[in-house]
Amino acid sequence: MKKFLAGIALLLAACGSGHKHMVIREEFPGKKLRIEYRGDVVFNAAGSAIRSMQPGASVHYELNGASFLAKADREGHILYACNGKQPAAVLRGREKLFMQRAIADMVRLRGSKGVK
């Protein structure tokens, strides 16, 4: 029994925080897309924003080398970052437009992949 519990603990440690993990990839000529989810991510009804994330959850979006990251802290507050810049609670300008495109792609792909 101790070996079994030690194995479960080791498996959970290897998986990170115990969150669900999913990677989605799409490749077409001129388009290389990768989305990586850790934990639950819930979008608003319009599919234009992240409504909530499980504490500690994250989603990383890469499109042709440009990136977007949304990460929830321990209380579930979401911070956003584009192209490796400092995370912020609100994005503006081009970064906001890129975030909106990222979220649209995530919503488009989530139904067929089972992501909330």
Protein backbone atom coordinates (compact mmCIF):
# COMPACT_ATOMS: atom_id res chain seq x y z
CA MET A 1 0.00 0.00 0.00
CA LYS A 2 2.83 2.42 0.85
CA LYS A 3 4.42 1.77 -2.55
CA PHE A 4 1.08 2.46 -4.27
CA LEU A 5 0.62 5.78 -2.42
CA ALA A 6 4.23 6.76 -3.10
CA GLY A 7 3.65 6.00 -6.80
CA ILE A 8 0.51 8.17 -6.87
CA ALA A 9 2.37 11.03 -5.15
CA LEU A 10 5.23 10.71 -7.63
CA LEU A 11 2.80 10.72 -10.56
CA LEU A 12 1.07 13.86 -9.27
CA ALA A 13 4.42 15.57 -8.74
CA ALA A 14 5.47 14.66 -12.28
CA CYS A 15 2.25 16.10 -13.68
CA GLY A 16 2.72 19.42 -11.89
CA SER A 17 -0.14 20.67 -9.77
CA GLY A 18 -2.60 17.93 -10.68
CA HIS A 19 -4.37 20.15 -13.25
CA LYS A 20 -5.67 18.77 -16.52
CA HIS A 21 -3.11 19.25 -19.29
CA MET A 22 -3.92 19.50 -22.99
CA VAL A 23 -2.01 20.59 -26.08
CA ILE A 24 -3.72 21.47 -29.39
CA ARG A 25 -1.76 21.99 -32.60
CA GLU A 26 -2.79 23.16 -36.06
CA GLU A 27 -0.44 23.55 -38.98
CA PHE A 28 -1.22 24.88 -42.44
CA PRO A 29 1.05 26.56 -44.98
CA GLY A 30 1.88 29.92 -43.41
CA LYS A 31 0.18 29.11 -40.08
CA LYS A 32 1.60 27.26 -37.09
CA LEU A 33 -0.66 27.30 -34.01
CA ARG A 34 -0.09 25.70 -30.61
CA ILE A 35 -2.35 26.04 -27.54
CA GLU A 36 -1.42 24.50 -24.19
CA TYR A 37 -3.91 24.35 -21.32
CA ARG A 38 -3.13 23.53 -17.69
CA GLY A 39 -6.26 23.42 -15.53
CA ASP A 40 -9.77 24.60 -16.29
CA VAL A 41 -10.31 27.69 -18.45
CA VAL A 42 -13.85 29.05 -18.91
CA PHE A 43 -14.71 31.54 -21.68
CA ASN A 44 -17.55 34.06 -21.67
CA ALA A 45 -20.73 33.31 -23.65
CA ALA A 46 -19.67 35.58 -26.52
CA GLY A 47 -16.35 33.74 -26.86
CA SER A 48 -14.43 37.00 -26.61
CA ALA A 49 -12.79 36.76 -23.18
CA ILE A 50 -11.66 34.38 -20.48
CA ARG A 51 -14.36 34.44 -17.81
CA SER A 52 -12.49 32.45 -15.18
CA MET A 53 -9.62 30.08 -14.58
CA GLN A 54 -9.00 27.52 -11.90
CA PRO A 55 -6.42 28.84 -9.38
CA GLY A 56 -2.97 27.97 -10.71
CA ALA A 57 -4.28 27.28 -14.23
CA SER A 58 -2.70 28.68 -17.37
CA VAL A 59 -3.13 28.77 -21.11
CA HIS A 60 -0.26 29.44 -23.51
CA TYR A 61 -1.02 30.34 -27.14
CA GLU A 62 1.58 30.56 -29.90
CA LEU A 63 0.86 31.64 -33.48
CA ASN A 64 3.76 31.81 -35.94
CA GLY A 65 6.20 32.72 -33.16
CA ALA A 66 4.03 35.31 -31.39
CA SER A 67 2.74 34.28 -27.96
CA PHE A 68 -0.01 35.00 -25.45
CA LEU A 69 -0.14 33.72 -21.87
CA ALA A 70 -2.99 33.86 -19.36
CA LYS A 71 -2.28 32.59 -15.87
CA ALA A 72 -4.41 32.51 -12.72
CA ASP A 73 -2.84 33.08 -9.32
CA ARG A 74 -3.81 31.14 -6.18
CA GLU A 75 -6.98 33.21 -5.79
CA GLY A 76 -7.98 32.82 -9.45
CA HIS A 77 -7.07 36.39 -10.52
CA ILE A 78 -5.93 36.31 -14.14
CA LEU A 79 -2.80 38.00 -15.49
CA TYR A 80 -2.06 38.28 -19.22
CA ALA A 81 1.21 38.63 -21.13
CA CYS A 82 2.15 38.85 -24.81
CA ASN A 83 5.49 37.87 -26.31
CA GLY A 84 7.21 37.36 -22.96
CA LYS A 85 6.45 40.82 -21.58
CA GLN A 86 5.62 41.48 -17.93
CA PRO A 87 2.19 40.03 -16.97
CA ALA A 88 -0.63 42.55 -16.45
CA ALA A 89 -4.28 42.47 -15.41
CA VAL A 90 -5.29 44.34 -18.59
CA LEU A 91 -3.78 44.41 -22.08
CA ARG A 92 -4.05 47.38 -24.45
CA GLY A 93 -3.45 48.20 -28.11
CA ARG A 94 -1.90 45.51 -30.31
CA GLU A 95 -1.50 43.16 -27.36
CA LYS A 96 -5.25 43.35 -26.65
CA LEU A 97 -6.03 42.64 -30.32
CA PHE A 98 -3.67 39.65 -30.28
CA MET A 99 -5.31 38.39 -27.06
CA GLN A 100 -8.74 38.64 -28.73
CA ARG A 101 -7.50 36.63 -31.72
CA ALA A 102 -5.98 34.05 -29.37
CA ILE A 103 -9.23 33.69 -27.45
CA ALA A 104 -11.22 33.37 -30.69
CA ASP A 105 -8.93 30.52 -31.79
CA MET A 106 -9.21 28.85 -28.36
CA VAL A 107 -13.01 29.02 -28.46
CA ARG A 108 -13.09 27.75 -32.06
CA LEU A 109 -11.00 24.71 -31.14
CA ARG A 110 -12.34 23.96 -27.67
CA GLY A 111 -15.57 22.19 -28.64
CA SER A 112 -13.90 19.47 -30.67
CA LYS A 113 -11.16 19.05 -28.05
CA GLY A 114 -13.33 19.00 -24.92
CA VAL A 115 -11.88 22.08 -23.20
CA LYS A 116 -14.22 24.20 -21.07
